[in-house]
Amino acid sequence: MTEEECNDRALRCAANAALAQSEPVSLEFLRLAAQWRAMAARVIRLEIGGGPIDRAGSAVALPLA
């Protein structure tokens, strides 16, 4: 999923929390919204062709050990 899709789901969960008639249900939607926001903020790194590539496709420099 893309960052935008994760943020969209977070917004829908927050909206559902506001509409929930039960506090436990509302809190669960808020918890899910926080998880979707956290996923949207993460940078996914993949090993491609022997070097790490960030989600935008640019090479990522590794620290020398």
C-alpha atoms as a PDB file:
ATOM      1  CA  MET A   1       0.000   0.000   0.000  1.00  0.00           C
ATOM      2  CA  THR A   2       1.114   3.531  -0.617  1.00  0.00           C
ATOM      3  CA  GLU A   3       1.517   6.267   1.970  1.00  0.00           C
ATOM      4  CA  GLU A   4      -1.604   7.963   0.593  1.00  0.00           C
ATOM      5  CA  GLU A   5      -3.695   4.788   0.902  1.00  0.00           C
ATOM      6  CA  CYS A   6      -2.569   4.303   4.507  1.00  0.00           C
ATOM      7  CA  ASN A   7      -3.470   7.907   5.332  1.00  0.00           C
ATOM      8  CA  ASP A   8      -6.891   7.470   3.688  1.00  0.00           C
ATOM      9  CA  ARG A   9      -7.574   4.423   5.856  1.00  0.00           C
ATOM     10  CA  ALA A  10      -6.458   6.331   8.941  1.00  0.00           C
ATOM     11  CA  LEU A  11      -8.940   9.091   8.121  1.00  0.00           C
ATOM     12  CA  ARG A  12     -11.758   6.567   7.637  1.00  0.00           C
ATOM     13  CA  CYS A  13     -10.958   4.903  10.967  1.00  0.00           C
ATOM     14  CA  ALA A  14     -10.967   8.284  12.734  1.00  0.00           C
ATOM     15  CA  ALA A  15     -14.317   9.141  11.140  1.00  0.00           C
ATOM     16  CA  ASN A  16     -15.735   5.786  12.244  1.00  0.00           C
ATOM     17  CA  ALA A  17     -14.471   6.440  15.779  1.00  0.00           C
ATOM     18  CA  ALA A  18     -16.417   9.696  15.851  1.00  0.00           C
ATOM     19  CA  LEU A  19     -19.578   7.897  14.693  1.00  0.00           C
ATOM     20  CA  ALA A  20     -19.299   4.905  17.027  1.00  0.00           C
ATOM     21  CA  GLN A  21     -21.990   4.717  19.677  1.00  0.00           C
ATOM     22  CA  SER A  22     -19.885   2.587  22.002  1.00  0.00           C
ATOM     23  CA  GLU A  23     -16.702   3.783  23.693  1.00  0.00           C
ATOM     24  CA  PRO A  24     -14.821   0.456  23.227  1.00  0.00           C
ATOM     25  CA  VAL A  25     -15.636   0.502  19.504  1.00  0.00           C
ATOM     26  CA  SER A  26     -14.578   4.143  19.238  1.00  0.00           C
ATOM     27  CA  LEU A  27     -11.278   3.408  20.992  1.00  0.00           C
ATOM     28  CA  GLU A  28     -10.619   0.462  18.676  1.00  0.00           C
ATOM     29  CA  PHE A  29     -11.134   2.662  15.607  1.00  0.00           C
ATOM     30  CA  LEU A  30      -8.779   5.260  17.108  1.00  0.00           C
ATOM     31  CA  ARG A  31      -6.172   2.552  17.719  1.00  0.00           C
ATOM     32  CA  LEU A  32      -6.496   1.397  14.111  1.00  0.00           C
ATOM     33  CA  ALA A  33      -6.209   4.975  12.852  1.00  0.00           C
ATOM     34  CA  ALA A  34      -2.956   5.385  14.795  1.00  0.00           C
ATOM     35  CA  GLN A  35      -1.592   2.173  13.278  1.00  0.00           C
ATOM     36  CA  TRP A  36      -2.462   3.305   9.742  1.00  0.00           C
ATOM     37  CA  ARG A  37      -0.768   6.677  10.370  1.00  0.00           C
ATOM     38  CA  ALA A  38       2.341   4.892  11.662  1.00  0.00           C
ATOM     39  CA  MET A  39       2.443   2.669   8.586  1.00  0.00           C
ATOM     40  CA  ALA A  40       2.104   5.696   6.320  1.00  0.00           C
ATOM     41  CA  ALA A  41       5.109   7.300   7.986  1.00  0.00           C
ATOM     42  CA  ARG A  42       7.425   4.301   7.612  1.00  0.00           C
ATOM     43  CA  VAL A  43      10.007   4.185   4.847  1.00  0.00           C
ATOM     44  CA  ILE A  44      10.118   0.757   3.286  1.00  0.00           C
ATOM     45  CA  ARG A  45      13.574  -0.344   2.265  1.00  0.00           C
ATOM     46  CA  LEU A  46      14.224  -3.224  -0.100  1.00  0.00           C
ATOM     47  CA  GLU A  47      17.357  -5.021  -1.104  1.00  0.00           C
ATOM     48  CA  ILE A  48      17.428  -4.773  -4.899  1.00  0.00           C
ATOM     49  CA  GLY A  49      20.491  -5.522  -6.994  1.00  0.00           C
ATOM     50  CA  GLY A  50      22.800  -5.763  -4.000  1.00  0.00           C
ATOM     51  CA  GLY A  51      22.024  -2.316  -2.634  1.00  0.00           C
ATOM     52  CA  PRO A  52      19.224  -0.841  -0.549  1.00  0.00           C
ATOM     53  CA  ILE A  53      16.608   1.221  -2.368  1.00  0.00           C
ATOM     54  CA  ASP A  54      14.114   3.436  -0.588  1.00  0.00           C
ATOM     55  CA  ARG A  55      10.458   3.500  -1.608  1.00  0.00           C
ATOM     56  CA  ALA A  56      11.061   6.481  -3.890  1.00  0.00           C
ATOM     57  CA  GLY A  57      13.583   4.437  -5.840  1.00  0.00           C
ATOM     58  CA  SER A  58      16.743   6.321  -4.918  1.00  0.00           C
ATOM     59  CA  ALA A  59      19.813   4.606  -3.535  1.00  0.00           C
ATOM     60  CA  VAL A  60      20.333   4.767   0.224  1.00  0.00           C
ATOM     61  CA  ALA A  61      23.843   5.267   1.590  1.00  0.00           C
ATOM     62  CA  LEU A  62      24.937   2.745   4.199  1.00  0.00           C
ATOM     63  CA  PRO A  63      27.287   3.658   7.035  1.00  0.00           C
ATOM     64  CA  LEU A  64      30.747   2.095   6.787  1.00  0.00           C
ATOM     65  CA  ALA A  65      31.312  -0.434   9.558  1.00  0.00           C
END
